[in-house]
PDB file of N, CA and C in Angstrom:
ATOM      1  N   MET A   1      96.987  63.429 -30.153  1.00  0.00           N
ATOM      2  CA  MET A   1      97.170  64.972 -29.671  1.00  0.00           C
ATOM      3  C   MET A   1      98.435  65.426 -29.154  1.00  0.00           C
ATOM      4  N   PHE A   2      98.834  66.674 -29.361  1.00  0.00           N
ATOM      5  CA  PHE A   2      99.875  67.137 -29.009  1.00  0.00           C
ATOM      6  C   PHE A   2      99.653  67.861 -27.611  1.00  0.00           C
ATOM      7  N   THR A   3     100.738  67.632 -26.828  1.00  0.00           N
ATOM      8  CA  THR A   3     100.411  68.354 -25.266  1.00  0.00           C
ATOM      9  C   THR A   3     101.937  69.197 -25.239  1.00  0.00           C
ATOM     10  N   ASN A   4     101.800  70.303 -24.699  1.00  0.00           N
ATOM     11  CA  ASN A   4     102.977  71.054 -24.501  1.00  0.00           C
ATOM     12  C   ASN A   4     104.011  70.732 -23.415  1.00  0.00           C
ATOM     13  N   SER A   5     104.883  69.798 -23.633  1.00  0.00           N
ATOM     14  CA  SER A   5     105.650  69.247 -22.551  1.00  0.00           C
ATOM     15  C   SER A   5     106.901  70.246 -22.412  1.00  0.00           C
ATOM     16  N   SER A   6     107.707  70.298 -21.222  1.00  0.00           N
ATOM     17  CA  SER A   6     108.788  70.831 -20.856  1.00  0.00           C
ATOM     18  C   SER A   6     109.770  70.178 -21.494  1.00  0.00           C
ATOM     19  N   PHE A   7     110.962  71.081 -21.458  1.00  0.00           N
ATOM     20  CA  PHE A   7     112.247  70.569 -22.166  1.00  0.00           C
ATOM     21  C   PHE A   7     112.617  69.355 -21.410  1.00  0.00           C
ATOM     22  N   ALA A   8     112.657  69.423 -20.056  1.00  0.00           N
ATOM     23  CA  ALA A   8     113.070  68.145 -19.172  1.00  0.00           C
ATOM     24  C   ALA A   8     112.183  66.964 -19.486  1.00  0.00           C
ATOM     25  N   ASP A   9     110.847  67.220 -19.596  1.00  0.00           N
ATOM     26  CA  ASP A   9     109.953  65.961 -20.175  1.00  0.00           C
ATOM     27  C   ASP A   9     110.491  65.505 -21.409  1.00  0.00           C
ATOM     28  N   VAL A  10     110.698  66.276 -22.597  1.00  0.00           N
ATOM     29  CA  VAL A  10     111.083  65.836 -23.738  1.00  0.00           C
ATOM     30  C   VAL A  10     112.192  65.148 -23.659  1.00  0.00           C
ATOM     31  N   THR A  11     113.427  65.682 -23.172  1.00  0.00           N
ATOM     32  CA  THR A  11     114.734  64.957 -23.082  1.00  0.00           C
ATOM     33  C   THR A  11     114.539  63.534 -22.077  1.00  0.00           C
ATOM     34  N   ARG A  12     113.756  63.668 -21.123  1.00  0.00           N
ATOM     35  CA  ARG A  12     113.556  62.396 -20.343  1.00  0.00           C
ATOM     36  C   ARG A  12     112.858  61.427 -21.257  1.00  0.00           C
ATOM     37  N   ASP A  13     111.758  61.902 -21.810  1.00  0.00           N
ATOM     38  CA  ASP A  13     111.351  60.611 -22.646  1.00  0.00           C
ATOM     39  C   ASP A  13     112.000  60.253 -23.877  1.00  0.00           C
ATOM     40  N   TRP A  14     112.787  61.162 -24.177  1.00  0.00           N
ATOM     41  CA  TRP A  14     113.701  60.568 -25.576  1.00  0.00           C
ATOM     42  C   TRP A  14     114.920  59.664 -25.242  1.00  0.00           C
ATOM     43  N   GLY A  15     115.540  60.109 -23.901  1.00  0.00           N
ATOM     44  CA  GLY A  15     116.392  59.375 -23.042  1.00  0.00           C
ATOM     45  C   GLY A  15     115.862  57.827 -22.821  1.00  0.00           C
ATOM     46  N   GLY A  16     114.720  57.902 -22.336  1.00  0.00           N
ATOM     47  CA  GLY A  16     114.210  56.529 -22.117  1.00  0.00           C
ATOM     48  C   GLY A  16     113.947  55.783 -23.143  1.00  0.00           C
ATOM     49  N   LEU A  17     113.407  56.315 -24.236  1.00  0.00           N
ATOM     50  CA  LEU A  17     113.389  55.657 -25.575  1.00  0.00           C
ATOM     51  C   LEU A  17     114.618  54.966 -26.117  1.00  0.00           C
ATOM     52  N   LEU A  18     115.569  56.061 -26.025  1.00  0.00           N
ATOM     53  CA  LEU A  18     116.800  55.456 -26.389  1.00  0.00           C
ATOM     54  C   LEU A  18     117.410  54.224 -25.599  1.00  0.00           C
ATOM     55  N   ALA A  19     117.416  54.368 -24.186  1.00  0.00           N
ATOM     56  CA  ALA A  19     117.659  53.213 -23.318  1.00  0.00           C
ATOM     57  C   ALA A  19     116.887  51.917 -23.712  1.00  0.00           C
ATOM     58  N   ALA A  20     115.649  52.236 -23.953  1.00  0.00           N
ATOM     59  CA  ALA A  20     114.869  50.866 -24.357  1.00  0.00           C
ATOM     60  C   ALA A  20     115.126  50.246 -25.556  1.00  0.00           C
ATOM     61  N   VAL A  21     115.534  51.154 -26.474  1.00  0.00           N
ATOM     62  CA  VAL A  21     116.120  50.753 -27.985  1.00  0.00           C
ATOM     63  C   VAL A  21     117.444  49.755 -27.697  1.00  0.00           C
ATOM     64  N   LYS A  22     118.125  50.539 -26.726  1.00  0.00           N
ATOM     65  CA  LYS A  22     119.568  49.722 -26.592  1.00  0.00           C
ATOM     66  C   LYS A  22     119.278  48.654 -25.801  1.00  0.00           C
ATOM     67  N   GLU A  23     118.390  48.360 -25.115  1.00  0.00           N
ATOM     68  CA  GLU A  23     118.186  47.244 -24.148  1.00  0.00           C
ATOM     69  C   GLU A  23     117.538  46.085 -25.110  1.00  0.00           C
ATOM     70  N   HIS A  24     116.792  46.508 -26.251  1.00  0.00           N
ATOM     71  CA  HIS A  24     116.075  45.531 -26.923  1.00  0.00           C
ATOM     72  C   HIS A  24     116.390  45.704 -28.242  1.00  0.00           C
ATOM     73  N   ALA A  25     117.761  45.894 -28.666  1.00  0.00           N
ATOM     74  CA  ALA A  25     118.238  46.254 -30.160  1.00  0.00           C
ATOM     75  C   ALA A  25     118.023  44.920 -30.823  1.00  0.00           C
ATOM     76  N   GLY A  26     118.164  43.623 -30.160  1.00  0.00           N
ATOM     77  CA  GLY A  26     118.366  42.339 -30.870  1.00  0.00           C
ATOM     78  C   GLY A  26     116.583  42.144 -31.426  1.00  0.00           C
ATOM     79  N   LEU A  27     115.730  42.776 -30.666  1.00  0.00           N
ATOM     80  CA  LEU A  27     114.268  42.407 -31.185  1.00  0.00           C
ATOM     81  C   LEU A  27     113.766  43.649 -32.131  1.00  0.00           C
ATOM     82  N   LEU A  28     114.599  44.518 -32.547  1.00  0.00           N
ATOM     83  CA  LEU A  28     114.050  45.669 -33.332  1.00  0.00           C
ATOM     84  C   LEU A  28     115.023  45.813 -34.460  1.00  0.00           C
ATOM     85  N   PRO A  29     114.710  45.023 -35.469  1.00  0.00           N
ATOM     86  CA  PRO A  29     115.233  45.103 -36.781  1.00  0.00           C
ATOM     87  C   PRO A  29     115.342  46.403 -37.430  1.00  0.00           C
ATOM     88  N   ASN A  30     116.591  46.833 -37.876  1.00  0.00           N
ATOM     89  CA  ASN A  30     116.844  47.877 -38.706  1.00  0.00           C
ATOM     90  C   ASN A  30     116.374  49.327 -38.009  1.00  0.00           C
ATOM     91  N   VAL A  31     116.662  49.073 -36.599  1.00  0.00           N
ATOM     92  CA  VAL A  31     116.315  50.336 -35.904  1.00  0.00           C
ATOM     93  C   VAL A  31     117.482  51.239 -35.650  1.00  0.00           C
ATOM     94  N   GLU A  32     118.789  51.062 -36.016  1.00  0.00           N
ATOM     95  CA  GLU A  32     119.824  51.567 -35.883  1.00  0.00           C
ATOM     96  C   GLU A  32     119.924  53.064 -36.477  1.00  0.00           C
ATOM     97  N   LEU A  33     119.416  53.167 -37.662  1.00  0.00           N
ATOM     98  CA  LEU A  33     119.246  54.615 -38.179  1.00  0.00           C
ATOM     99  C   LEU A  33     118.467  55.523 -37.729  1.00  0.00           C
ATOM    100  N   HIS A  34     117.338  54.764 -37.043  1.00  0.00           N
ATOM    101  CA  HIS A  34     116.360  55.629 -36.071  1.00  0.00           C
ATOM    102  C   HIS A  34     116.942  56.048 -34.828  1.00  0.00           C
ATOM    103  N   GLN A  35     117.811  55.255 -34.295  1.00  0.00           N
ATOM    104  CA  GLN A  35     118.511  55.307 -32.957  1.00  0.00           C
ATOM    105  C   GLN A  35     119.466  56.628 -33.076  1.00  0.00           C
ATOM    106  N   GLU A  36     120.265  56.292 -34.227  1.00  0.00           N
ATOM    107  CA  GLU A  36     121.141  57.402 -34.596  1.00  0.00           C
ATOM    108  C   GLU A  36     120.607  58.726 -34.802  1.00  0.00           C
ATOM    109  N   GLU A  37     119.542  58.829 -35.598  1.00  0.00           N
ATOM    110  CA  GLU A  37     118.803  60.033 -35.747  1.00  0.00           C
ATOM    111  C   GLU A  37     118.326  60.605 -34.416  1.00  0.00           C
ATOM    112  N   LEU A  38     117.575  60.045 -33.592  1.00  0.00           N
ATOM    113  CA  LEU A  38     117.197  60.415 -32.171  1.00  0.00           C
ATOM    114  C   LEU A  38     118.384  60.871 -31.527  1.00  0.00           C
ATOM    115  N   GLU A  39     119.498  60.048 -31.325  1.00  0.00           N
ATOM    116  CA  GLU A  39     120.566  60.551 -30.726  1.00  0.00           C
ATOM    117  C   GLU A  39     121.154  62.061 -30.977  1.00  0.00           C
ATOM    118  N   LYS A  40     121.226  62.038 -32.422  1.00  0.00           N
ATOM    119  CA  LYS A  40     121.760  63.214 -32.917  1.00  0.00           C
ATOM    120  C   LYS A  40     120.794  64.550 -32.614  1.00  0.00           C
ATOM    121  N   ALA A  41     119.371  64.107 -32.693  1.00  0.00           N
ATOM    122  CA  ALA A  41     118.342  65.220 -32.117  1.00  0.00           C
ATOM    123  C   ALA A  41     118.546  65.704 -30.840  1.00  0.00           C
ATOM    124  N   LEU A  42     118.483  64.629 -29.962  1.00  0.00           N
ATOM    125  CA  LEU A  42     118.597  64.730 -28.702  1.00  0.00           C
ATOM    126  C   LEU A  42     119.955  65.636 -28.029  1.00  0.00           C
ATOM    127  N   ALA A  43     121.116  65.375 -28.737  1.00  0.00           N
ATOM    128  CA  ALA A  43     122.354  66.079 -28.576  1.00  0.00           C
ATOM    129  C   ALA A  43     122.186  67.598 -29.213  1.00  0.00           C
ATOM    130  N   GLY A  44     121.522  67.716 -30.271  1.00  0.00           N
ATOM    131  CA  GLY A  44     121.150  69.122 -30.819  1.00  0.00           C
ATOM    132  C   GLY A  44     120.307  69.849 -30.073  1.00  0.00           C
ATOM    133  N   ILE A  45     119.659  69.408 -29.474  1.00  0.00           N
ATOM    134  CA  ILE A  45     118.466  70.194 -28.673  1.00  0.00           C
ATOM    135  C   ILE A  45     119.280  70.417 -27.425  1.00  0.00           C
ATOM    136  N   GLN A  46     120.105  69.715 -26.791  1.00  0.00           N
ATOM    137  CA  GLN A  46     120.675  69.869 -25.643  1.00  0.00           C
ATOM    138  C   GLN A  46     121.770  70.922 -25.784  1.00  0.00           C
ATOM    139  N   ILE A  47     122.546  70.937 -27.040  1.00  0.00           N
ATOM    140  CA  ILE A  47     123.443  72.186 -27.372  1.00  0.00           C
ATOM    141  C   ILE A  47     122.628  73.639 -27.372  1.00  0.00           C
ATOM    142  N   LEU A  48     121.307  73.360 -27.996  1.00  0.00           N
ATOM    143  CA  LEU A  48     120.668  74.633 -28.036  1.00  0.00           C
ATOM    144  C   LEU A  48     120.092  75.162 -26.628  1.00  0.00           C
ATOM    145  N   LYS A  49     119.663  74.136 -25.965  1.00  0.00           N
ATOM    146  CA  LYS A  49     119.395  74.644 -24.473  1.00  0.00           C
ATOM    147  C   LYS A  49     120.377  75.078 -23.720  1.00  0.00           C
ATOM    148  N   ASP A  50     121.518  74.456 -23.834  1.00  0.00           N
ATOM    149  CA  ASP A  50     122.717  75.035 -23.129  1.00  0.00           C
ATOM    150  C   ASP A  50     123.055  76.667 -23.385  1.00  0.00           C
ATOM    151  N   ARG A  51     122.981  76.730 -25.037  1.00  0.00           N
ATOM    152  CA  ARG A  51     123.055  78.287 -25.419  1.00  0.00           C
ATOM    153  C   ARG A  51     122.094  79.216 -24.776  1.00  0.00           C
ATOM    154  N   GLN A  52     120.815  78.418 -25.026  1.00  0.00           N
ATOM    155  CA  GLN A  52     119.677  79.536 -24.388  1.00  0.00           C
ATOM    156  C   GLN A  52     120.024  79.700 -22.970  1.00  0.00           C
ATOM    157  N   ASP A  53     120.366  78.913 -22.003  1.00  0.00           N
ATOM    158  CA  ASP A  53     120.767  79.296 -20.818  1.00  0.00           C
ATOM    159  C   ASP A  53     122.115  80.244 -20.576  1.00  0.00           C
ATOM    160  N   SER A  54     122.752  79.823 -21.514  1.00  0.00           N
ATOM    161  CA  SER A  54     124.035  80.882 -21.507  1.00  0.00           C
ATOM    162  C   SER A  54     123.591  82.304 -21.849  1.00  0.00           C
ATOM    163  N   PHE A  55     122.784  82.563 -22.795  1.00  0.00           N
ATOM    164  CA  PHE A  55     122.114  83.778 -23.342  1.00  0.00           C
ATOM    165  C   PHE A  55     121.386  84.571 -22.138  1.00  0.00           C
ATOM    166  N   ARG A  56     120.621  83.245 -21.434  1.00  0.00           N
ATOM    167  CA  ARG A  56     119.653  84.001 -20.289  1.00  0.00           C
ATOM    168  C   ARG A  56     120.684  84.554 -19.200  1.00  0.00           C
ATOM    169  N   ALA A  57     121.842  83.790 -18.896  1.00  0.00           N
ATOM    170  CA  ALA A  57     122.587  84.202 -17.975  1.00  0.00           C
ATOM    171  C   ALA A  57     123.030  85.502 -18.231  1.00  0.00           C
ATOM    172  N   THR A  58     123.695  85.918 -19.451  1.00  0.00           N
ATOM    173  CA  THR A  58     124.198  87.023 -19.845  1.00  0.00           C
ATOM    174  C   THR A  58     123.165  88.173 -19.878  1.00  0.00           C
ATOM    175  N   LYS A  59     122.148  87.938 -20.157  1.00  0.00           N
ATOM    176  CA  LYS A  59     120.939  89.082 -20.282  1.00  0.00           C
ATOM    177  C   LYS A  59     120.921  89.581 -18.821  1.00  0.00           C
ATOM    178  N   GLN A  60     120.923  88.405 -17.880  1.00  0.00           N
ATOM    179  CA  GLN A  60     120.493  88.794 -16.351  1.00  0.00           C
ATOM    180  C   GLN A  60     121.869  89.717 -15.861  1.00  0.00           C
ATOM    181  N   ARG A  61     123.086  89.137 -16.249  1.00  0.00           N
ATOM    182  CA  ARG A  61     124.344  90.114 -15.780  1.00  0.00           C
ATOM    183  C   ARG A  61     124.156  91.440 -16.557  1.00  0.00           C
ATOM    184  N   THR A  62     123.739  91.489 -17.647  1.00  0.00           N
ATOM    185  CA  THR A  62     123.867  92.890 -18.225  1.00  0.00           C
ATOM    186  C   THR A  62     122.720  93.735 -17.721  1.00  0.00           C
ATOM    187  N   THR A  63     121.540  93.119 -17.421  1.00  0.00           N
ATOM    188  CA  THR A  63     120.596  93.914 -17.101  1.00  0.00           C
ATOM    189  C   THR A  63     120.903  94.451 -15.367  1.00  0.00           C
ATOM    190  N   GLN A  64     121.852  93.730 -14.764  1.00  0.00           N
ATOM    191  CA  GLN A  64     122.343  94.230 -13.485  1.00  0.00           C
ATOM    192  C   GLN A  64     123.329  95.206 -13.693  1.00  0.00           C
ATOM    193  N   GLU A  65     124.195  95.092 -14.708  1.00  0.00           N
ATOM    194  CA  GLU A  65     125.240  96.107 -14.994  1.00  0.00           C
ATOM    195  C   GLU A  65     124.337  97.526 -15.137  1.00  0.00           C
ATOM    196  N   LEU A  66     123.203  97.251 -16.148  1.00  0.00           N
ATOM    197  CA  LEU A  66     122.684  98.562 -16.508  1.00  0.00           C
ATOM    198  C   LEU A  66     121.863  99.350 -15.390  1.00  0.00           C
ATOM    199  N   GLN A  67     121.547  98.381 -14.314  1.00  0.00           N
ATOM    200  CA  GLN A  67     120.791  99.048 -13.323  1.00  0.00           C
ATOM    201  C   GLN A  67     121.956  99.696 -12.190  1.00  0.00           C
ATOM    202  N   GLU A  68     123.100  99.137 -12.179  1.00  0.00           N
ATOM    203  CA  GLU A  68     124.176  99.794 -11.330  1.00  0.00           C
ATOM    204  C   GLU A  68     124.611 101.062 -12.315  1.00  0.00           C
ATOM    205  N   ALA A  69     124.652 101.261 -13.467  1.00  0.00           N
ATOM    206  CA  ALA A  69     125.294 102.098 -14.064  1.00  0.00           C
ATOM    207  C   ALA A  69     124.530 103.736 -13.782  1.00  0.00           C
TER     208      ALA A  69
END
């Protein structure tokens, strides 16, 4: 069952999973491909989140400028 988790929850969970994989790599045969894909996905969503935050800040500044005009 899917639950709607926050961005922080998802990134924390994925980071925890990656840490566990690294800690137990010897017990997990052929996990490297999956580990790399998860690392790429985590980095990608962090880039998108940073971009979203930047857009939000720009929107707020623009709104202030419009109210002052």
